[in-house]
Amino acid sequence: MSDCLFCKIISGEIPSTKRYEDEDVIAFNDLYPQAPVHFLVVPKQHIAGAADITSENSAIVGKCFEVIAKITTQEQLASGFRVITNCGADAGQTIDHLHFHVLAGKKLGPMLCPGK
């Protein structure tokens, strides 16, 4: 999609600080980190969100989690990390391209809601 921010990052039109890239998945630092370690893992195939995962595209979700395991192992985040995906505006999804937030680097509370 030509107006998708993540598609523009994937194509190189918008720069990012990459942590990983292969033919299917890209991982890069979040511009507005919510923890000392906060990066996004994004399938290169445009999937609008979790509600749009199908039997035809679900393998890429598994690949995203393989990448998460690889990065968190390489960065020695064994003490814990959180993986979040938001689906839809009411859940806080602001970019309509499936992506997974990975947060770590400190003890994370039970919720990530501001003010709680």
PDB file of N, CA and C in Angstrom:
ATOM      1  N   MET A   1       0.851  -1.193   0.000  1.00  0.00           N
ATOM      2  CA  MET A   1       0.000   0.000   0.000  1.00  0.00           C
ATOM      3  C   MET A   1       0.883   1.237   0.000  1.00  0.00           C
ATOM      4  N   SER A   2       0.623   2.131  -0.907  1.00  0.00           N
ATOM      5  CA  SER A   2       1.504   3.277  -1.109  1.00  0.00           C
ATOM      6  C   SER A   2       1.477   4.282   0.037  1.00  0.00           C
ATOM      7  N   ASP A   3       0.407   4.342   0.820  1.00  0.00           N
ATOM      8  CA  ASP A   3       0.341   5.324   1.895  1.00  0.00           C
ATOM      9  C   ASP A   3       0.624   4.716   3.271  1.00  0.00           C
ATOM     10  N   CYS A   4       1.023   3.465   3.328  1.00  0.00           N
ATOM     11  CA  CYS A   4       1.294   2.772   4.587  1.00  0.00           C
ATOM     12  C   CYS A   4       2.702   3.108   5.083  1.00  0.00           C
ATOM     13  N   LEU A   5       2.811   3.629   6.300  1.00  0.00           N
ATOM     14  CA  LEU A   5       4.100   3.999   6.878  1.00  0.00           C
ATOM     15  C   LEU A   5       5.056   2.813   6.904  1.00  0.00           C
ATOM     16  N   PHE A   6       4.581   1.649   7.338  1.00  0.00           N
ATOM     17  CA  PHE A   6       5.475   0.495   7.423  1.00  0.00           C
ATOM     18  C   PHE A   6       5.884  -0.009   6.042  1.00  0.00           C
ATOM     19  N   CYS A   7       4.997   0.074   5.067  1.00  0.00           N
ATOM     20  CA  CYS A   7       5.379  -0.300   3.700  1.00  0.00           C
ATOM     21  C   CYS A   7       6.474   0.622   3.186  1.00  0.00           C
ATOM     22  N   LYS A   8       6.425   1.893   3.577  1.00  0.00           N
ATOM     23  CA  LYS A   8       7.462   2.842   3.176  1.00  0.00           C
ATOM     24  C   LYS A   8       8.783   2.537   3.872  1.00  0.00           C
ATOM     25  N   ILE A   9       8.730   2.097   5.127  1.00  0.00           N
ATOM     26  CA  ILE A   9       9.950   1.692   5.828  1.00  0.00           C
ATOM     27  C   ILE A   9      10.522   0.441   5.160  1.00  0.00           C
ATOM     28  N   ILE A  10       9.662  -0.516   4.860  1.00  0.00           N
ATOM     29  CA  ILE A  10      10.093  -1.760   4.216  1.00  0.00           C
ATOM     30  C   ILE A  10      10.768  -1.488   2.881  1.00  0.00           C
ATOM     31  N   SER A  11      10.214  -0.562   2.101  1.00  0.00           N
ATOM     32  CA  SER A  11      10.778  -0.249   0.780  1.00  0.00           C
ATOM     33  C   SER A  11      12.037   0.608   0.862  1.00  0.00           C
ATOM     34  N   GLY A  12      12.347   1.150   2.049  1.00  0.00           N
ATOM     35  CA  GLY A  12      13.509   2.012   2.213  1.00  0.00           C
ATOM     36  C   GLY A  12      13.225   3.478   1.962  1.00  0.00           C
ATOM     37  N   GLU A  13      11.978   3.785   1.645  1.00  0.00           N
ATOM     38  CA  GLU A  13      11.591   5.172   1.398  1.00  0.00           C
ATOM     39  C   GLU A  13      11.718   6.017   2.666  1.00  0.00           C
ATOM     40  N   ILE A  14      11.451   5.400   3.816  1.00  0.00           N
ATOM     41  CA  ILE A  14      11.604   6.054   5.112  1.00  0.00           C
ATOM     42  C   ILE A  14      12.679   5.274   5.877  1.00  0.00           C
ATOM     43  N   PRO A  15      13.697   5.958   6.416  1.00  0.00           N
ATOM     44  CA  PRO A  15      14.764   5.252   7.129  1.00  0.00           C
ATOM     45  C   PRO A  15      14.295   4.724   8.481  1.00  0.00           C
ATOM     46  N   SER A  16      14.972   3.687   8.947  1.00  0.00           N
ATOM     47  CA  SER A  16      14.710   3.128  10.263  1.00  0.00           C
ATOM     48  C   SER A  16      16.006   2.555  10.816  1.00  0.00           C
ATOM     49  N   THR A  17      16.025   2.329  12.113  1.00  0.00           N
ATOM     50  CA  THR A  17      17.159   1.673  12.746  1.00  0.00           C
ATOM     51  C   THR A  17      16.826   0.194  12.825  1.00  0.00           C
ATOM     52  N   LYS A  18      17.342  -0.556  11.862  1.00  0.00           N
ATOM     53  CA  LYS A  18      16.999  -1.970  11.736  1.00  0.00           C
ATOM     54  C   LYS A  18      17.745  -2.823  12.750  1.00  0.00           C
ATOM     55  N   ARG A  19      17.033  -3.816  13.267  1.00  0.00           N
ATOM     56  CA  ARG A  19      17.625  -4.841  14.124  1.00  0.00           C
ATOM     57  C   ARG A  19      17.723  -6.168  13.385  1.00  0.00           C
ATOM     58  N   TYR A  20      16.887  -6.335  12.344  1.00  0.00           N
ATOM     59  CA  TYR A  20      16.849  -7.597  11.601  1.00  0.00           C
ATOM     60  C   TYR A  20      16.111  -7.351  10.291  1.00  0.00           C
ATOM     61  N   GLU A  21      16.525  -8.087   9.254  1.00  0.00           N
ATOM     62  CA  GLU A  21      15.772  -8.057   8.008  1.00  0.00           C
ATOM     63  C   GLU A  21      16.086  -9.312   7.212  1.00  0.00           C
ATOM     64  N   ASP A  22      15.051  -9.907   6.641  1.00  0.00           N
ATOM     65  CA  ASP A  22      15.202 -10.970   5.657  1.00  0.00           C
ATOM     66  C   ASP A  22      14.141 -10.742   4.586  1.00  0.00           C
ATOM     67  N   GLU A  23      13.890 -11.727   3.749  1.00  0.00           N
ATOM     68  CA  GLU A  23      12.956 -11.534   2.642  1.00  0.00           C
ATOM     69  C   GLU A  23      11.503 -11.402   3.095  1.00  0.00           C
ATOM     70  N   ASP A  24      11.188 -11.823   4.325  1.00  0.00           N
ATOM     71  CA  ASP A  24       9.803 -11.830   4.792  1.00  0.00           C
ATOM     72  C   ASP A  24       9.486 -10.865   5.928  1.00  0.00           C
ATOM     73  N   VAL A  25      10.492 -10.541   6.730  1.00  0.00           N
ATOM     74  CA  VAL A  25      10.267  -9.825   7.988  1.00  0.00           C
ATOM     75  C   VAL A  25      11.325  -8.744   8.167  1.00  0.00           C
ATOM     76  N   ILE A  26      10.914  -7.662   8.795  1.00  0.00           N
ATOM     77  CA  ILE A  26      11.845  -6.604   9.182  1.00  0.00           C
ATOM     78  C   ILE A  26      11.580  -6.263  10.653  1.00  0.00           C
ATOM     79  N   ALA A  27      12.631  -5.936  11.377  1.00  0.00           N
ATOM     80  CA  ALA A  27      12.514  -5.493  12.763  1.00  0.00           C
ATOM     81  C   ALA A  27      13.316  -4.209  12.911  1.00  0.00           C
ATOM     82  N   PHE A  28      12.734  -3.237  13.591  1.00  0.00           N
ATOM     83  CA  PHE A  28      13.404  -1.949  13.756  1.00  0.00           C
ATOM     84  C   PHE A  28      12.968  -1.304  15.061  1.00  0.00           C
ATOM     85  N   ASN A  29      13.779  -0.366  15.542  1.00  0.00           N
ATOM     86  CA  ASN A  29      13.480   0.327  16.795  1.00  0.00           C
ATOM     87  C   ASN A  29      12.228   1.172  16.669  1.00  0.00           C
ATOM     88  N   ASP A  30      11.434   1.189  17.734  1.00  0.00           N
ATOM     89  CA  ASP A  30      10.265   2.061  17.783  1.00  0.00           C
ATOM     90  C   ASP A  30      10.745   3.500  17.963  1.00  0.00           C
ATOM     91  N   LEU A  31      10.129   4.425  17.258  1.00  0.00           N
ATOM     92  CA  LEU A  31      10.515   5.834  17.376  1.00  0.00           C
ATOM     93  C   LEU A  31      10.127   6.444  18.720  1.00  0.00           C
ATOM     94  N   TYR A  32       9.138   5.866  19.382  1.00  0.00           N
ATOM     95  CA  TYR A  32       8.651   6.377  20.665  1.00  0.00           C
ATOM     96  C   TYR A  32       8.683   5.248  21.689  1.00  0.00           C
ATOM     97  N   PRO A  33       9.891   4.864  22.130  1.00  0.00           N
ATOM     98  CA  PRO A  33      10.013   3.683  22.995  1.00  0.00           C
ATOM     99  C   PRO A  33       9.270   3.838  24.322  1.00  0.00           C
ATOM    100  N   GLN A  34       8.636   2.739  24.715  1.00  0.00           N
ATOM    101  CA  GLN A  34       7.896   2.686  25.974  1.00  0.00           C
ATOM    102  C   GLN A  34       8.643   1.876  27.029  1.00  0.00           C
ATOM    103  N   ALA A  35       9.834   1.401  26.690  1.00  0.00           N
ATOM    104  CA  ALA A  35      10.700   0.642  27.596  1.00  0.00           C
ATOM    105  C   ALA A  35      12.127   0.823  27.091  1.00  0.00           C
ATOM    106  N   PRO A  36      13.132   0.485  27.918  1.00  0.00           N
ATOM    107  CA  PRO A  36      14.515   0.627  27.463  1.00  0.00           C
ATOM    108  C   PRO A  36      14.795  -0.121  26.153  1.00  0.00           C
ATOM    109  N   VAL A  37      14.162  -1.265  25.971  1.00  0.00           N
ATOM    110  CA  VAL A  37      14.229  -1.987  24.704  1.00  0.00           C
ATOM    111  C   VAL A  37      12.822  -1.990  24.125  1.00  0.00           C
ATOM    112  N   HIS A  38      12.644  -1.443  22.930  1.00  0.00           N
ATOM    113  CA  HIS A  38      11.326  -1.412  22.287  1.00  0.00           C
ATOM    114  C   HIS A  38      11.556  -1.395  20.787  1.00  0.00           C
ATOM    115  N   PHE A  39      11.248  -2.530  20.175  1.00  0.00           N
ATOM    116  CA  PHE A  39      11.360  -2.616  18.722  1.00  0.00           C
ATOM    117  C   PHE A  39      10.110  -3.262  18.154  1.00  0.00           C
ATOM    118  N   LEU A  40       9.945  -3.099  16.857  1.00  0.00           N
ATOM    119  CA  LEU A  40       8.793  -3.647  16.146  1.00  0.00           C
ATOM    120  C   LEU A  40       9.251  -4.746  15.209  1.00  0.00           C
ATOM    121  N   VAL A  41       8.446  -5.785  15.114  1.00  0.00           N
ATOM    122  CA  VAL A  41       8.676  -6.855  14.150  1.00  0.00           C
ATOM    123  C   VAL A  41       7.478  -6.827  13.204  1.00  0.00           C
ATOM    124  N   VAL A  42       7.772  -6.677  11.902  1.00  0.00           N
ATOM    125  CA  VAL A  42       6.743  -6.401  10.904  1.00  0.00           C
ATOM    126  C   VAL A  42       6.896  -7.342   9.715  1.00  0.00           C
ATOM    127  N   PRO A  43       5.817  -8.011   9.321  1.00  0.00           N
ATOM    128  CA  PRO A  43       5.907  -8.791   8.083  1.00  0.00           C
ATOM    129  C   PRO A  43       6.005  -7.835   6.897  1.00  0.00           C
ATOM    130  N   LYS A  44       6.795  -8.198   5.909  1.00  0.00           N
ATOM    131  CA  LYS A  44       6.900  -7.347   4.726  1.00  0.00           C
ATOM    132  C   LYS A  44       5.629  -7.398   3.888  1.00  0.00           C
ATOM    133  N   GLN A  45       4.944  -8.515   3.938  1.00  0.00           N
ATOM    134  CA  GLN A  45       3.648  -8.619   3.257  1.00  0.00           C
ATOM    135  C   GLN A  45       2.667  -7.721   3.999  1.00  0.00           C
ATOM    136  N   HIS A  46       1.929  -6.903   3.268  1.00  0.00           N
ATOM    137  CA  HIS A  46       0.969  -6.012   3.920  1.00  0.00           C
ATOM    138  C   HIS A  46      -0.250  -6.818   4.370  1.00  0.00           C
ATOM    139  N   ILE A  47      -0.400  -6.889   5.689  1.00  0.00           N
ATOM    140  CA  ILE A  47      -1.582  -7.475   6.337  1.00  0.00           C
ATOM    141  C   ILE A  47      -2.058  -6.373   7.273  1.00  0.00           C
ATOM    142  N   ALA A  48      -3.307  -5.968   7.159  1.00  0.00           N
ATOM    143  CA  ALA A  48      -3.787  -4.797   7.897  1.00  0.00           C
ATOM    144  C   ALA A  48      -3.703  -4.964   9.408  1.00  0.00           C
ATOM    145  N   GLY A  49      -3.978  -6.143   9.911  1.00  0.00           N
ATOM    146  CA  GLY A  49      -3.931  -6.361  11.354  1.00  0.00           C
ATOM    147  C   GLY A  49      -4.223  -7.807  11.683  1.00  0.00           C
ATOM    148  N   ALA A  50      -4.265  -8.113  12.970  1.00  0.00           N
ATOM    149  CA  ALA A  50      -4.461  -9.495  13.426  1.00  0.00           C
ATOM    150  C   ALA A  50      -5.766 -10.090  12.916  1.00  0.00           C
ATOM    151  N   ALA A  51      -6.790  -9.283  12.754  1.00  0.00           N
ATOM    152  CA  ALA A  51      -8.079  -9.779  12.260  1.00  0.00           C
ATOM    153  C   ALA A  51      -8.010 -10.200  10.792  1.00  0.00           C
ATOM    154  N   ASP A  52      -6.938  -9.848  10.114  1.00  0.00           N
ATOM    155  CA  ASP A  52      -6.785 -10.177   8.701  1.00  0.00           C
ATOM    156  C   ASP A  52      -5.836 -11.353   8.460  1.00  0.00           C
ATOM    157  N   ILE A  53      -5.470 -12.058   9.530  1.00  0.00           N
ATOM    158  CA  ILE A  53      -4.632 -13.246   9.374  1.00  0.00           C
ATOM    159  C   ILE A  53      -5.514 -14.391   8.893  1.00  0.00           C
ATOM    160  N   THR A  54      -5.044 -15.068   7.849  1.00  0.00           N
ATOM    161  CA  THR A  54      -5.794 -16.164   7.243  1.00  0.00           C
ATOM    162  C   THR A  54      -4.883 -17.383   7.099  1.00  0.00           C
ATOM    163  N   SER A  55      -5.463 -18.477   6.637  1.00  0.00           N
ATOM    164  CA  SER A  55      -4.636 -19.662   6.393  1.00  0.00           C
ATOM    165  C   SER A  55      -3.616 -19.399   5.285  1.00  0.00           C
ATOM    166  N   GLU A  56      -3.895 -18.460   4.405  1.00  0.00           N
ATOM    167  CA  GLU A  56      -2.972 -18.136   3.324  1.00  0.00           C
ATOM    168  C   GLU A  56      -1.779 -17.300   3.796  1.00  0.00           C
ATOM    169  N   ASN A  57      -1.928 -16.510   4.849  1.00  0.00           N
ATOM    170  CA  ASN A  57      -0.831 -15.642   5.279  1.00  0.00           C
ATOM    171  C   ASN A  57      -0.338 -15.927   6.699  1.00  0.00           C
ATOM    172  N   SER A  58      -0.879 -16.931   7.358  1.00  0.00           N
ATOM    173  CA  SER A  58      -0.540 -17.158   8.767  1.00  0.00           C
ATOM    174  C   SER A  58       0.898 -17.620   8.986  1.00  0.00           C
ATOM    175  N   ALA A  59       1.517 -18.215   7.996  1.00  0.00           N
ATOM    176  CA  ALA A  59       2.908 -18.655   8.170  1.00  0.00           C
ATOM    177  C   ALA A  59       3.826 -17.480   8.483  1.00  0.00           C
ATOM    178  N   ILE A  60       3.504 -16.310   7.946  1.00  0.00           N
ATOM    179  CA  ILE A  60       4.344 -15.138   8.200  1.00  0.00           C
ATOM    180  C   ILE A  60       4.282 -14.719   9.666  1.00  0.00           C
ATOM    181  N   VAL A  61       3.159 -14.975  10.326  1.00  0.00           N
ATOM    182  CA  VAL A  61       3.056 -14.658  11.757  1.00  0.00           C
ATOM    183  C   VAL A  61       4.013 -15.556  12.541  1.00  0.00           C
ATOM    184  N   GLY A  62       4.051 -16.830  12.185  1.00  0.00           N
ATOM    185  CA  GLY A  62       5.011 -17.726  12.812  1.00  0.00           C
ATOM    186  C   GLY A  62       6.438 -17.275  12.590  1.00  0.00           C
ATOM    187  N   LYS A  63       6.723 -16.806  11.393  1.00  0.00           N
ATOM    188  CA  LYS A  63       8.068 -16.302  11.080  1.00  0.00           C
ATOM    189  C   LYS A  63       8.383 -15.068  11.928  1.00  0.00           C
ATOM    190  N   CYS A  64       7.395 -14.201  12.139  1.00  0.00           N
ATOM    191  CA  CYS A  64       7.612 -13.029  12.998  1.00  0.00           C
ATOM    192  C   CYS A  64       8.024 -13.461  14.396  1.00  0.00           C
ATOM    193  N   PHE A  65       7.365 -14.491  14.930  1.00  0.00           N
ATOM    194  CA  PHE A  65       7.705 -14.957  16.270  1.00  0.00           C
ATOM    195  C   PHE A  65       9.063 -15.664  16.298  1.00  0.00           C
ATOM    196  N   GLU A  66       9.458 -16.300  15.211  1.00  0.00           N
ATOM    197  CA  GLU A  66      10.804 -16.862  15.128  1.00  0.00           C
ATOM    198  C   GLU A  66      11.836 -15.735  15.199  1.00  0.00           C
ATOM    199  N   VAL A  67      11.558 -14.635  14.514  1.00  0.00           N
ATOM    200  CA  VAL A  67      12.458 -13.480  14.540  1.00  0.00           C
ATOM    201  C   VAL A  67      12.506 -12.880  15.941  1.00  0.00           C
ATOM    202  N   ILE A  68      11.361 -12.781  16.598  1.00  0.00           N
ATOM    203  CA  ILE A  68      11.334 -12.274  17.974  1.00  0.00           C
ATOM    204  C   ILE A  68      12.222 -13.142  18.863  1.00  0.00           C
ATOM    205  N   ALA A  69      12.095 -14.467  18.758  1.00  0.00           N
ATOM    206  CA  ALA A  69      12.919 -15.376  19.562  1.00  0.00           C
ATOM    207  C   ALA A  69      14.405 -15.185  19.247  1.00  0.00           C
ATOM    208  N   LYS A  70      14.727 -15.026  17.980  1.00  0.00           N
ATOM    209  CA  LYS A  70      16.129 -14.854  17.572  1.00  0.00           C
ATOM    210  C   LYS A  70      16.716 -13.574  18.156  1.00  0.00           C
ATOM    211  N   ILE A  71      16.001 -12.462  17.999  1.00  0.00           N
ATOM    212  CA  ILE A  71      16.513 -11.174  18.481  1.00  0.00           C
ATOM    213  C   ILE A  71      16.621 -11.172  19.999  1.00  0.00           C
ATOM    214  N   THR A  72      15.588 -11.632  20.685  1.00  0.00           N
ATOM    215  CA  THR A  72      15.616 -11.600  22.155  1.00  0.00           C
ATOM    216  C   THR A  72      16.695 -12.524  22.709  1.00  0.00           C
ATOM    217  N   THR A  73      16.993 -13.611  22.020  1.00  0.00           N
ATOM    218  CA  THR A  73      18.087 -14.487  22.443  1.00  0.00           C
ATOM    219  C   THR A  73      19.429 -13.798  22.208  1.00  0.00           C
ATOM    220  N   GLN A  74      19.602 -13.220  21.022  1.00  0.00           N
ATOM    221  CA  GLN A  74      20.856 -12.530  20.700  1.00  0.00           C
ATOM    222  C   GLN A  74      21.115 -11.365  21.651  1.00  0.00           C
ATOM    223  N   GLU A  75      20.048 -10.690  22.063  1.00  0.00           N
ATOM    224  CA  GLU A  75      20.204  -9.518  22.924  1.00  0.00           C
ATOM    225  C   GLU A  75      20.096  -9.869  24.404  1.00  0.00           C
ATOM    226  N   GLN A  76      20.088 -11.160  24.695  1.00  0.00           N
ATOM    227  CA  GLN A  76      20.094 -11.678  26.063  1.00  0.00           C
ATOM    228  C   GLN A  76      18.972 -11.080  26.910  1.00  0.00           C
ATOM    229  N   LEU A  77      17.768 -11.173  26.385  1.00  0.00           N
ATOM    230  CA  LEU A  77      16.593 -10.662  27.088  1.00  0.00           C
ATOM    231  C   LEU A  77      15.830 -11.787  27.793  1.00  0.00           C
ATOM    232  N   ALA A  78      16.573 -12.817  28.218  1.00  0.00           N
ATOM    233  CA  ALA A  78      15.963 -13.995  28.818  1.00  0.00           C
ATOM    234  C   ALA A  78      15.234 -13.691  30.123  1.00  0.00           C
ATOM    235  N   SER A  79      15.547 -12.571  30.773  1.00  0.00           N
ATOM    236  CA  SER A  79      14.861 -12.252  32.030  1.00  0.00           C
ATOM    237  C   SER A  79      13.419 -11.842  31.796  1.00  0.00           C
ATOM    238  N   GLY A  80      13.070 -11.588  30.537  1.00  0.00           N
ATOM    239  CA  GLY A  80      11.676 -11.312  30.209  1.00  0.00           C
ATOM    240  C   GLY A  80      11.499 -10.235  29.161  1.00  0.00           C
ATOM    241  N   PHE A  81      10.473 -10.424  28.383  1.00  0.00           N
ATOM    242  CA  PHE A  81      10.081  -9.427  27.389  1.00  0.00           C
ATOM    243  C   PHE A  81       8.585  -9.590  27.142  1.00  0.00           C
ATOM    244  N   ARG A  82       7.994  -8.567  26.581  1.00  0.00           N
ATOM    245  CA  ARG A  82       6.565  -8.567  26.282  1.00  0.00           C
ATOM    246  C   ARG A  82       6.388  -8.371  24.784  1.00  0.00           C
ATOM    247  N   VAL A  83       5.417  -9.089  24.213  1.00  0.00           N
ATOM    248  CA  VAL A  83       5.064  -8.943  22.802  1.00  0.00           C
ATOM    249  C   VAL A  83       3.609  -8.482  22.760  1.00  0.00           C
ATOM    250  N   ILE A  84       3.370  -7.395  22.039  1.00  0.00           N
ATOM    251  CA  ILE A  84       2.032  -6.805  21.958  1.00  0.00           C
ATOM    252  C   ILE A  84       1.684  -6.546  20.501  1.00  0.00           C
ATOM    253  N   THR A  85       0.445  -6.853  20.145  1.00  0.00           N
ATOM    254  CA  THR A  85      -0.085  -6.373  18.876  1.00  0.00           C
ATOM    255  C   THR A  85      -1.462  -5.791  19.155  1.00  0.00           C
ATOM    256  N   ASN A  86      -1.723  -4.648  18.608  1.00  0.00           N
ATOM    257  CA  ASN A  86      -3.022  -3.996  18.746  1.00  0.00           C
ATOM    258  C   ASN A  86      -3.813  -4.242  17.468  1.00  0.00           C
ATOM    259  N   CYS A  87      -5.096  -4.447  17.607  1.00  0.00           N
ATOM    260  CA  CYS A  87      -5.933  -4.710  16.445  1.00  0.00           C
ATOM    261  C   CYS A  87      -7.150  -3.782  16.472  1.00  0.00           C
ATOM    262  N   GLY A  88      -7.128  -2.798  15.597  1.00  0.00           N
ATOM    263  CA  GLY A  88      -8.235  -1.854  15.506  1.00  0.00           C
ATOM    264  C   GLY A  88      -8.011  -0.606  16.339  1.00  0.00           C
ATOM    265  N   ALA A  89      -8.722   0.440  15.975  1.00  0.00           N
ATOM    266  CA  ALA A  89      -8.562   1.743  16.621  1.00  0.00           C
ATOM    267  C   ALA A  89      -8.869   1.702  18.113  1.00  0.00           C
ATOM    268  N   ASP A  90      -9.895   0.966  18.509  1.00  0.00           N
ATOM    269  CA  ASP A  90     -10.243   0.904  19.934  1.00  0.00           C
ATOM    270  C   ASP A  90      -9.156   0.226  20.766  1.00  0.00           C
ATOM    271  N   ALA A  91      -8.335  -0.584  20.139  1.00  0.00           N
ATOM    272  CA  ALA A  91      -7.234  -1.253  20.846  1.00  0.00           C
ATOM    273  C   ALA A  91      -5.940  -0.443  20.774  1.00  0.00           C
ATOM    274  N   GLY A  92      -5.954   0.656  20.043  1.00  0.00           N
ATOM    275  CA  GLY A  92      -4.776   1.503  19.952  1.00  0.00           C
ATOM    276  C   GLY A  92      -3.928   1.296  18.713  1.00  0.00           C
ATOM    277  N   GLN A  93      -4.430   0.548  17.723  1.00  0.00           N
ATOM    278  CA  GLN A  93      -3.662   0.370  16.489  1.00  0.00           C
ATOM    279  C   GLN A  93      -3.700   1.676  15.705  1.00  0.00           C
ATOM    280  N   THR A  94      -2.533   2.246  15.455  1.00  0.00           N
ATOM    281  CA  THR A  94      -2.461   3.524  14.747  1.00  0.00           C
ATOM    282  C   THR A  94      -1.931   3.374  13.325  1.00  0.00           C
ATOM    283  N   ILE A  95      -1.307   2.228  13.020  1.00  0.00           N
ATOM    284  CA  ILE A  95      -0.815   1.958  11.675  1.00  0.00           C
ATOM    285  C   ILE A  95      -1.446   0.650  11.227  1.00  0.00           C
ATOM    286  N   ASP A  96      -2.186   0.706  10.138  1.00  0.00           N
ATOM    287  CA  ASP A  96      -2.914  -0.466   9.655  1.00  0.00           C
ATOM    288  C   ASP A  96      -2.005  -1.400   8.857  1.00  0.00           C
ATOM    289  N   HIS A  97      -1.025  -1.943   9.546  1.00  0.00           N
ATOM    290  CA  HIS A  97      -0.113  -2.962   9.009  1.00  0.00           C
ATOM    291  C   HIS A  97       0.265  -3.802  10.224  1.00  0.00           C
ATOM    292  N   LEU A  98       0.011  -5.093  10.163  1.00  0.00           N
ATOM    293  CA  LEU A  98       0.304  -5.979  11.281  1.00  0.00           C
ATOM    294  C   LEU A  98       1.726  -5.770  11.775  1.00  0.00           C
ATOM    295  N   HIS A  99       1.871  -5.612  13.078  1.00  0.00           N
ATOM    296  CA  HIS A  99       3.194  -5.456  13.664  1.00  0.00           C
ATOM    297  C   HIS A  99       3.146  -5.874  15.124  1.00  0.00           C
ATOM    298  N   PHE A 100       4.298  -6.278  15.611  1.00  0.00           N
ATOM    299  CA  PHE A 100       4.436  -6.745  16.986  1.00  0.00           C
ATOM    300  C   PHE A 100       5.438  -5.868  17.711  1.00  0.00           C
ATOM    301  N   HIS A 101       4.998  -5.285  18.816  1.00  0.00           N
ATOM    302  CA  HIS A 101       5.883  -4.515  19.683  1.00  0.00           C
ATOM    303  C   HIS A 101       6.586  -5.496  20.608  1.00  0.00           C
ATOM    304  N   VAL A 102       7.886  -5.362  20.752  1.00  0.00           N
ATOM    305  CA  VAL A 102       8.644  -6.155  21.710  1.00  0.00           C
ATOM    306  C   VAL A 102       9.257  -5.173  22.697  1.00  0.00           C
ATOM    307  N   LEU A 103       8.905  -5.347  23.968  1.00  0.00           N
ATOM    308  CA  LEU A 103       9.371  -4.450  25.027  1.00  0.00           C
ATOM    309  C   LEU A 103      10.134  -5.250  26.073  1.00  0.00           C
ATOM    310  N   ALA A 104      11.232  -4.668  26.558  1.00  0.00           N
ATOM    311  CA  ALA A 104      12.062  -5.342  27.559  1.00  0.00           C
ATOM    312  C   ALA A 104      13.016  -4.320  28.163  1.00  0.00           C
ATOM    313  N   GLY A 105      13.914  -4.820  29.009  1.00  0.00           N
ATOM    314  CA  GLY A 105      14.960  -3.963  29.562  1.00  0.00           C
ATOM    315  C   GLY A 105      14.649  -3.419  30.934  1.00  0.00           C
ATOM    316  N   LYS A 106      13.475  -3.725  31.450  1.00  0.00           N
ATOM    317  CA  LYS A 106      13.110  -3.355  32.813  1.00  0.00           C
ATOM    318  C   LYS A 106      11.962  -4.269  33.233  1.00  0.00           C
ATOM    319  N   LYS A 107      11.668  -4.279  34.507  1.00  0.00           N
ATOM    320  CA  LYS A 107      10.521  -5.051  34.977  1.00  0.00           C
ATOM    321  C   LYS A 107       9.269  -4.350  34.506  1.00  0.00           C
ATOM    322  N   LEU A 108       8.473  -5.053  33.726  1.00  0.00           N
ATOM    323  CA  LEU A 108       7.252  -4.494  33.169  1.00  0.00           C
ATOM    324  C   LEU A 108       6.082  -4.818  34.106  1.00  0.00           C
ATOM    325  N   GLY A 109       5.246  -3.845  34.367  1.00  0.00           N
ATOM    326  CA  GLY A 109       4.086  -4.054  35.227  1.00  0.00           C
ATOM    327  C   GLY A 109       3.046  -4.902  34.531  1.00  0.00           C
ATOM    328  N   PRO A 110       1.952  -5.191  35.238  1.00  0.00           N
ATOM    329  CA  PRO A 110       0.922  -6.039  34.650  1.00  0.00           C
ATOM    330  C   PRO A 110       0.185  -5.376  33.495  1.00  0.00           C
ATOM    331  N   MET A 111       0.200  -4.048  33.418  1.00  0.00           N
ATOM    332  CA  MET A 111      -0.487  -3.313  32.355  1.00  0.00           C
ATOM    333  C   MET A 111       0.447  -2.237  31.821  1.00  0.00           C
ATOM    334  N   LEU A 112       0.224  -1.848  30.590  1.00  0.00           N
ATOM    335  CA  LEU A 112       1.020  -0.763  30.004  1.00  0.00           C
ATOM    336  C   LEU A 112       0.164   0.471  29.759  1.00  0.00           C
ATOM    337  N   CYS A 113      -0.920   0.593  30.471  1.00  0.00           N
ATOM    338  CA  CYS A 113      -1.815   1.739  30.295  1.00  0.00           C
ATOM    339  C   CYS A 113      -1.250   2.938  31.040  1.00  0.00           C
ATOM    340  N   PRO A 114      -1.206   4.112  30.393  1.00  0.00           N
ATOM    341  CA  PRO A 114      -0.730   5.313  31.070  1.00  0.00           C
ATOM    342  C   PRO A 114      -1.564   5.602  32.320  1.00  0.00           C
ATOM    343  N   GLY A 115      -0.907   5.973  33.377  1.00  0.00           N
ATOM    344  CA  GLY A 115      -1.605   6.357  34.596  1.00  0.00           C
ATOM    345  C   GLY A 115      -2.026   5.190  35.464  1.00  0.00           C
ATOM    346  N   LYS A 116      -1.677   3.980  35.104  1.00  0.00           N
ATOM    347  CA  LYS A 116      -2.057   2.823  35.934  1.00  0.00           C
ATOM    348  C   LYS A 116      -0.845   2.187  36.530  1.00  0.00           C
TER     349      LYS A 116
END
